[in-house]
Amino acid sequence: MDRSKKLRKAIYKIDESMKNKFPIKNTKDILEDEINYCQKLIKVVEKEDNLKSKGTIEPSKRNSC
């Protein structure tokens, strides 16, 4: 859950309005749930052209999920 949290924070620095577009946060400490959440999170990020134009996410955050 720590990795997805770091990724969200990195994205919020670029565009705080993304909070409204992200899936509901994973609150369970179950690996399968975290993987599922990360996959949903990545799909949302990939669809957002404005993230591409405003800046990049550090590679360590990008590969965190």
PDB file of N, CA and C in Angstrom:
ATOM      1  N   MET A   1       0.825  -1.194   0.000  1.00  0.00           N
ATOM      2  CA  MET A   1       0.000   0.000   0.000  1.00  0.00           C
ATOM      3  C   MET A   1       0.864   1.250   0.000  1.00  0.00           C
ATOM      4  N   ASP A   2       2.079   1.109   0.465  1.00  0.00           N
ATOM      5  CA  ASP A   2       2.980   2.258   0.517  1.00  0.00           C
ATOM      6  C   ASP A   2       3.358   2.732  -0.878  1.00  0.00           C
ATOM      7  N   ARG A   3       3.540   1.803  -1.801  1.00  0.00           N
ATOM      8  CA  ARG A   3       3.946   2.179  -3.159  1.00  0.00           C
ATOM      9  C   ARG A   3       2.854   2.949  -3.880  1.00  0.00           C
ATOM     10  N   SER A   4       1.623   2.493  -3.756  1.00  0.00           N
ATOM     11  CA  SER A   4       0.534   3.208  -4.427  1.00  0.00           C
ATOM     12  C   SER A   4       0.343   4.587  -3.802  1.00  0.00           C
ATOM     13  N   LYS A   5       0.579   4.686  -2.512  1.00  0.00           N
ATOM     14  CA  LYS A   5       0.472   5.982  -1.835  1.00  0.00           C
ATOM     15  C   LYS A   5       1.522   6.959  -2.379  1.00  0.00           C
ATOM     16  N   LYS A   6       2.731   6.488  -2.564  1.00  0.00           N
ATOM     17  CA  LYS A   6       3.802   7.339  -3.102  1.00  0.00           C
ATOM     18  C   LYS A   6       3.485   7.772  -4.534  1.00  0.00           C
ATOM     19  N   LEU A   7       2.941   6.860  -5.312  1.00  0.00           N
ATOM     20  CA  LEU A   7       2.574   7.187  -6.688  1.00  0.00           C
ATOM     21  C   LEU A   7       1.481   8.250  -6.710  1.00  0.00           C
ATOM     22  N   ARG A   8       0.455   8.087  -5.887  1.00  0.00           N
ATOM     23  CA  ARG A   8      -0.615   9.087  -5.824  1.00  0.00           C
ATOM     24  C   ARG A   8      -0.064  10.456  -5.440  1.00  0.00           C
ATOM     25  N   LYS A   9       0.790  10.496  -4.440  1.00  0.00           N
ATOM     26  CA  LYS A   9       1.360  11.775  -4.001  1.00  0.00           C
ATOM     27  C   LYS A   9       2.165  12.447  -5.110  1.00  0.00           C
ATOM     28  N   ALA A  10       2.916  11.652  -5.879  1.00  0.00           N
ATOM     29  CA  ALA A  10       3.698  12.213  -6.985  1.00  0.00           C
ATOM     30  C   ALA A  10       2.771  12.805  -8.037  1.00  0.00           C
ATOM     31  N   ILE A  11       1.661  12.140  -8.289  1.00  0.00           N
ATOM     32  CA  ILE A  11       0.698  12.629  -9.275  1.00  0.00           C
ATOM     33  C   ILE A  11      -0.013  13.874  -8.758  1.00  0.00           C
ATOM     34  N   TYR A  12      -0.357  13.900  -7.491  1.00  0.00           N
ATOM     35  CA  TYR A  12      -1.024  15.075  -6.915  1.00  0.00           C
ATOM     36  C   TYR A  12      -0.157  16.324  -7.035  1.00  0.00           C
ATOM     37  N   LYS A  13       1.159  16.166  -6.993  1.00  0.00           N
ATOM     38  CA  LYS A  13       2.048  17.317  -7.150  1.00  0.00           C
ATOM     39  C   LYS A  13       1.926  17.914  -8.541  1.00  0.00           C
ATOM     40  N   ILE A  14       1.595  17.079  -9.518  1.00  0.00           N
ATOM     41  CA  ILE A  14       1.428  17.548 -10.889  1.00  0.00           C
ATOM     42  C   ILE A  14       0.028  18.087 -11.106  1.00  0.00           C
ATOM     43  N   ASP A  15      -0.971  17.355 -10.609  1.00  0.00           N
ATOM     44  CA  ASP A  15      -2.369  17.745 -10.829  1.00  0.00           C
ATOM     45  C   ASP A  15      -3.221  17.237  -9.681  1.00  0.00           C
ATOM     46  N   GLU A  16      -3.516  18.118  -8.752  1.00  0.00           N
ATOM     47  CA  GLU A  16      -4.270  17.733  -7.550  1.00  0.00           C
ATOM     48  C   GLU A  16      -5.711  17.312  -7.864  1.00  0.00           C
ATOM     49  N   SER A  17      -6.239  17.756  -8.999  1.00  0.00           N
ATOM     50  CA  SER A  17      -7.609  17.396  -9.350  1.00  0.00           C
ATOM     51  C   SER A  17      -7.760  15.908  -9.677  1.00  0.00           C
ATOM     52  N   MET A  18      -6.649  15.215  -9.825  1.00  0.00           N
ATOM     53  CA  MET A  18      -6.699  13.778 -10.108  1.00  0.00           C
ATOM     54  C   MET A  18      -7.325  13.001  -8.954  1.00  0.00           C
ATOM     55  N   LYS A  19      -7.340  13.582  -7.762  1.00  0.00           N
ATOM     56  CA  LYS A  19      -7.944  12.908  -6.611  1.00  0.00           C
ATOM     57  C   LYS A  19      -9.371  12.474  -6.907  1.00  0.00           C
ATOM     58  N   ASN A  20     -10.077  13.287  -7.676  1.00  0.00           N
ATOM     59  CA  ASN A  20     -11.467  12.988  -7.991  1.00  0.00           C
ATOM     60  C   ASN A  20     -11.618  11.900  -9.042  1.00  0.00           C
ATOM     61  N   LYS A  21     -10.557  11.589  -9.747  1.00  0.00           N
ATOM     62  CA  LYS A  21     -10.624  10.621 -10.838  1.00  0.00           C
ATOM     63  C   LYS A  21     -10.093   9.251 -10.453  1.00  0.00           C
ATOM     64  N   PHE A  22      -9.354   9.177  -9.370  1.00  0.00           N
ATOM     65  CA  PHE A  22      -8.750   7.914  -8.964  1.00  0.00           C
ATOM     66  C   PHE A  22      -9.770   6.963  -8.364  1.00  0.00           C
ATOM     67  N   PRO A  23      -9.499   5.657  -8.482  1.00  0.00           N
ATOM     68  CA  PRO A  23     -10.390   4.677  -7.851  1.00  0.00           C
ATOM     69  C   PRO A  23     -10.300   4.794  -6.329  1.00  0.00           C
ATOM     70  N   ILE A  24     -11.250   4.194  -5.661  1.00  0.00           N
ATOM     71  CA  ILE A  24     -11.253   4.201  -4.197  1.00  0.00           C
ATOM     72  C   ILE A  24      -9.986   3.500  -3.707  1.00  0.00           C
ATOM     73  N   LYS A  25      -9.326   4.112  -2.730  1.00  0.00           N
ATOM     74  CA  LYS A  25      -8.065   3.586  -2.222  1.00  0.00           C
ATOM     75  C   LYS A  25      -8.245   2.196  -1.625  1.00  0.00           C
ATOM     76  N   ASN A  26      -7.215   1.399  -1.796  1.00  0.00           N
ATOM     77  CA  ASN A  26      -7.180   0.080  -1.183  1.00  0.00           C
ATOM     78  C   ASN A  26      -6.857   0.241   0.294  1.00  0.00           C
ATOM     79  N   THR A  27      -7.665  -0.342   1.148  1.00  0.00           N
ATOM     80  CA  THR A  27      -7.428  -0.232   2.589  1.00  0.00           C
ATOM     81  C   THR A  27      -7.054  -1.567   3.213  1.00  0.00           C
ATOM     82  N   LYS A  28      -7.061  -2.615   2.393  1.00  0.00           N
ATOM     83  CA  LYS A  28      -6.728  -3.950   2.894  1.00  0.00           C
ATOM     84  C   LYS A  28      -5.265  -4.242   2.602  1.00  0.00           C
ATOM     85  N   ASP A  29      -4.645  -4.924   3.510  1.00  0.00           N
ATOM     86  CA  ASP A  29      -3.232  -5.281   3.336  1.00  0.00           C
ATOM     87  C   ASP A  29      -3.128  -6.666   2.699  1.00  0.00           C
ATOM     88  N   ILE A  30      -3.824  -6.804   1.567  1.00  0.00           N
ATOM     89  CA  ILE A  30      -3.835  -8.059   0.823  1.00  0.00           C
ATOM     90  C   ILE A  30      -3.200  -7.786  -0.538  1.00  0.00           C
ATOM     91  N   LEU A  31      -2.211  -8.572  -0.896  1.00  0.00           N
ATOM     92  CA  LEU A  31      -1.438  -8.324  -2.107  1.00  0.00           C
ATOM     93  C   LEU A  31      -2.312  -8.249  -3.352  1.00  0.00           C
ATOM     94  N   GLU A  32      -3.243  -9.164  -3.512  1.00  0.00           N
ATOM     95  CA  GLU A  32      -4.098  -9.185  -4.697  1.00  0.00           C
ATOM     96  C   GLU A  32      -4.926  -7.904  -4.803  1.00  0.00           C
ATOM     97  N   ASP A  33      -5.413  -7.399  -3.687  1.00  0.00           N
ATOM     98  CA  ASP A  33      -6.186  -6.158  -3.682  1.00  0.00           C
ATOM     99  C   ASP A  33      -5.317  -4.968  -4.076  1.00  0.00           C
ATOM    100  N   GLU A  34      -4.080  -4.960  -3.608  1.00  0.00           N
ATOM    101  CA  GLU A  34      -3.165  -3.870  -3.936  1.00  0.00           C
ATOM    102  C   GLU A  34      -2.795  -3.902  -5.419  1.00  0.00           C
ATOM    103  N   ILE A  35      -2.568  -5.078  -5.954  1.00  0.00           N
ATOM    104  CA  ILE A  35      -2.263  -5.211  -7.378  1.00  0.00           C
ATOM    105  C   ILE A  35      -3.443  -4.735  -8.211  1.00  0.00           C
ATOM    106  N   ASN A  36      -4.638  -5.133  -7.838  1.00  0.00           N
ATOM    107  CA  ASN A  36      -5.850  -4.709  -8.543  1.00  0.00           C
ATOM    108  C   ASN A  36      -6.008  -3.191  -8.494  1.00  0.00           C
ATOM    109  N   TYR A  37      -5.778  -2.606  -7.326  1.00  0.00           N
ATOM    110  CA  TYR A  37      -5.873  -1.151  -7.179  1.00  0.00           C
ATOM    111  C   TYR A  37      -4.830  -0.450  -8.068  1.00  0.00           C
ATOM    112  N   CYS A  38      -3.605  -0.955  -8.053  1.00  0.00           N
ATOM    113  CA  CYS A  38      -2.546  -0.346  -8.863  1.00  0.00           C
ATOM    114  C   CYS A  38      -2.878  -0.410 -10.347  1.00  0.00           C
ATOM    115  N   GLN A  39      -3.448  -1.507 -10.802  1.00  0.00           N
ATOM    116  CA  GLN A  39      -3.829  -1.635 -12.204  1.00  0.00           C
ATOM    117  C   GLN A  39      -4.887  -0.602 -12.568  1.00  0.00           C
ATOM    118  N   LYS A  40      -5.854  -0.387 -11.693  1.00  0.00           N
ATOM    119  CA  LYS A  40      -6.894   0.623 -11.929  1.00  0.00           C
ATOM    120  C   LYS A  40      -6.281   2.023 -11.939  1.00  0.00           C
ATOM    121  N   LEU A  41      -5.380   2.267 -11.003  1.00  0.00           N
ATOM    122  CA  LEU A  41      -4.711   3.561 -10.896  1.00  0.00           C
ATOM    123  C   LEU A  41      -3.914   3.860 -12.165  1.00  0.00           C
ATOM    124  N   ILE A  42      -3.187   2.888 -12.653  1.00  0.00           N
ATOM    125  CA  ILE A  42      -2.384   3.061 -13.862  1.00  0.00           C
ATOM    126  C   ILE A  42      -3.267   3.359 -15.065  1.00  0.00           C
ATOM    127  N   LYS A  43      -4.397   2.679 -15.177  1.00  0.00           N
ATOM    128  CA  LYS A  43      -5.314   2.923 -16.299  1.00  0.00           C
ATOM    129  C   LYS A  43      -5.808   4.361 -16.302  1.00  0.00           C
ATOM    130  N   VAL A  44      -6.126   4.892 -15.135  1.00  0.00           N
ATOM    131  CA  VAL A  44      -6.592   6.280 -15.039  1.00  0.00           C
ATOM    132  C   VAL A  44      -5.479   7.231 -15.458  1.00  0.00           C
ATOM    133  N   VAL A  45      -4.281   7.005 -14.974  1.00  0.00           N
ATOM    134  CA  VAL A  45      -3.146   7.878 -15.276  1.00  0.00           C
ATOM    135  C   VAL A  45      -2.824   7.853 -16.764  1.00  0.00           C
ATOM    136  N   GLU A  46      -2.862   6.683 -17.369  1.00  0.00           N
ATOM    137  CA  GLU A  46      -2.538   6.564 -18.792  1.00  0.00           C
ATOM    138  C   GLU A  46      -3.521   7.318 -19.680  1.00  0.00           C
ATOM    139  N   LYS A  47      -4.738   7.491 -19.235  1.00  0.00           N
ATOM    140  CA  LYS A  47      -5.755   8.194 -20.015  1.00  0.00           C
ATOM    141  C   LYS A  47      -5.632   9.712 -19.932  1.00  0.00           C
ATOM    142  N   GLU A  48      -4.871  10.214 -18.981  1.00  0.00           N
ATOM    143  CA  GLU A  48      -4.792  11.650 -18.728  1.00  0.00           C
ATOM    144  C   GLU A  48      -3.667  12.310 -19.511  1.00  0.00           C
ATOM    145  N   ASP A  49      -4.018  12.956 -20.611  1.00  0.00           N
ATOM    146  CA  ASP A  49      -3.025  13.664 -21.418  1.00  0.00           C
ATOM    147  C   ASP A  49      -2.414  14.842 -20.667  1.00  0.00           C
ATOM    148  N   ASN A  50      -3.186  15.452 -19.765  1.00  0.00           N
ATOM    149  CA  ASN A  50      -2.669  16.617 -19.050  1.00  0.00           C
ATOM    150  C   ASN A  50      -1.487  16.270 -18.150  1.00  0.00           C
ATOM    151  N   LEU A  51      -1.383  15.040 -17.704  1.00  0.00           N
ATOM    152  CA  LEU A  51      -0.227  14.641 -16.900  1.00  0.00           C
ATOM    153  C   LEU A  51       1.032  14.601 -17.754  1.00  0.00           C
ATOM    154  N   LYS A  52       0.873  14.234 -18.990  1.00  0.00           N
ATOM    155  CA  LYS A  52       2.017  14.187 -19.906  1.00  0.00           C
ATOM    156  C   LYS A  52       2.558  15.582 -20.190  1.00  0.00           C
ATOM    157  N   SER A  53       1.665  16.559 -20.299  1.00  0.00           N
ATOM    158  CA  SER A  53       2.100  17.906 -20.652  1.00  0.00           C
ATOM    159  C   SER A  53       2.582  18.724 -19.460  1.00  0.00           C
ATOM    160  N   LYS A  54       2.163  18.375 -18.254  1.00  0.00           N
ATOM    161  CA  LYS A  54       2.537  19.161 -17.072  1.00  0.00           C
ATOM    162  C   LYS A  54       3.851  18.728 -16.448  1.00  0.00           C
ATOM    163  N   GLY A  55       4.308  17.557 -16.756  1.00  0.00           N
ATOM    164  CA  GLY A  55       5.555  17.088 -16.173  1.00  0.00           C
ATOM    165  C   GLY A  55       5.581  15.580 -16.143  1.00  0.00           C
ATOM    166  N   THR A  56       6.660  15.075 -15.621  1.00  0.00           N
ATOM    167  CA  THR A  56       6.799  13.629 -15.551  1.00  0.00           C
ATOM    168  C   THR A  56       6.861  13.184 -14.110  1.00  0.00           C
ATOM    169  N   ILE A  57       6.556  11.938 -13.928  1.00  0.00           N
ATOM    170  CA  ILE A  57       6.647  11.344 -12.603  1.00  0.00           C
ATOM    171  C   ILE A  57       8.006  10.678 -12.514  1.00  0.00           C
ATOM    172  N   GLU A  58       8.656  10.847 -11.390  1.00  0.00           N
ATOM    173  CA  GLU A  58       9.980  10.259 -11.204  1.00  0.00           C
ATOM    174  C   GLU A  58       9.917   8.767 -11.508  1.00  0.00           C
ATOM    175  N   PRO A  59      10.942   8.231 -12.175  1.00  0.00           N
ATOM    176  CA  PRO A  59      10.937   6.799 -12.505  1.00  0.00           C
ATOM    177  C   PRO A  59      10.700   5.902 -11.309  1.00  0.00           C
ATOM    178  N   SER A  60      11.200   6.269 -10.142  1.00  0.00           N
ATOM    179  CA  SER A  60      11.006   5.432  -8.962  1.00  0.00           C
ATOM    180  C   SER A  60       9.537   5.366  -8.576  1.00  0.00           C
ATOM    181  N   LYS A  61       8.787   6.420  -8.799  1.00  0.00           N
ATOM    182  CA  LYS A  61       7.349   6.424  -8.506  1.00  0.00           C
ATOM    183  C   LYS A  61       6.579   5.719  -9.607  1.00  0.00           C
ATOM    184  N   ARG A  62       7.007   5.928 -10.844  1.00  0.00           N
ATOM    185  CA  ARG A  62       6.322   5.364 -11.999  1.00  0.00           C
ATOM    186  C   ARG A  62       6.338   3.840 -11.939  1.00  0.00           C
ATOM    187  N   ASN A  63       7.429   3.268 -11.484  1.00  0.00           N
ATOM    188  CA  ASN A  63       7.566   1.818 -11.441  1.00  0.00           C
ATOM    189  C   ASN A  63       7.186   1.237 -10.097  1.00  0.00           C
ATOM    190  N   SER A  64       6.564   2.013  -9.260  1.00  0.00           N
ATOM    191  CA  SER A  64       6.305   1.552  -7.900  1.00  0.00           C
ATOM    192  C   SER A  64       5.160   0.570  -7.775  1.00  0.00           C
ATOM    193  N   CYS A  65       4.185   0.621  -8.649  1.00  0.00           N
ATOM    194  CA  CYS A  65       3.051  -0.294  -8.532  1.00  0.00           C
ATOM    195  C   CYS A  65       3.296  -1.563  -9.293  1.00  0.00           C
TER     196      CYS A  65
END
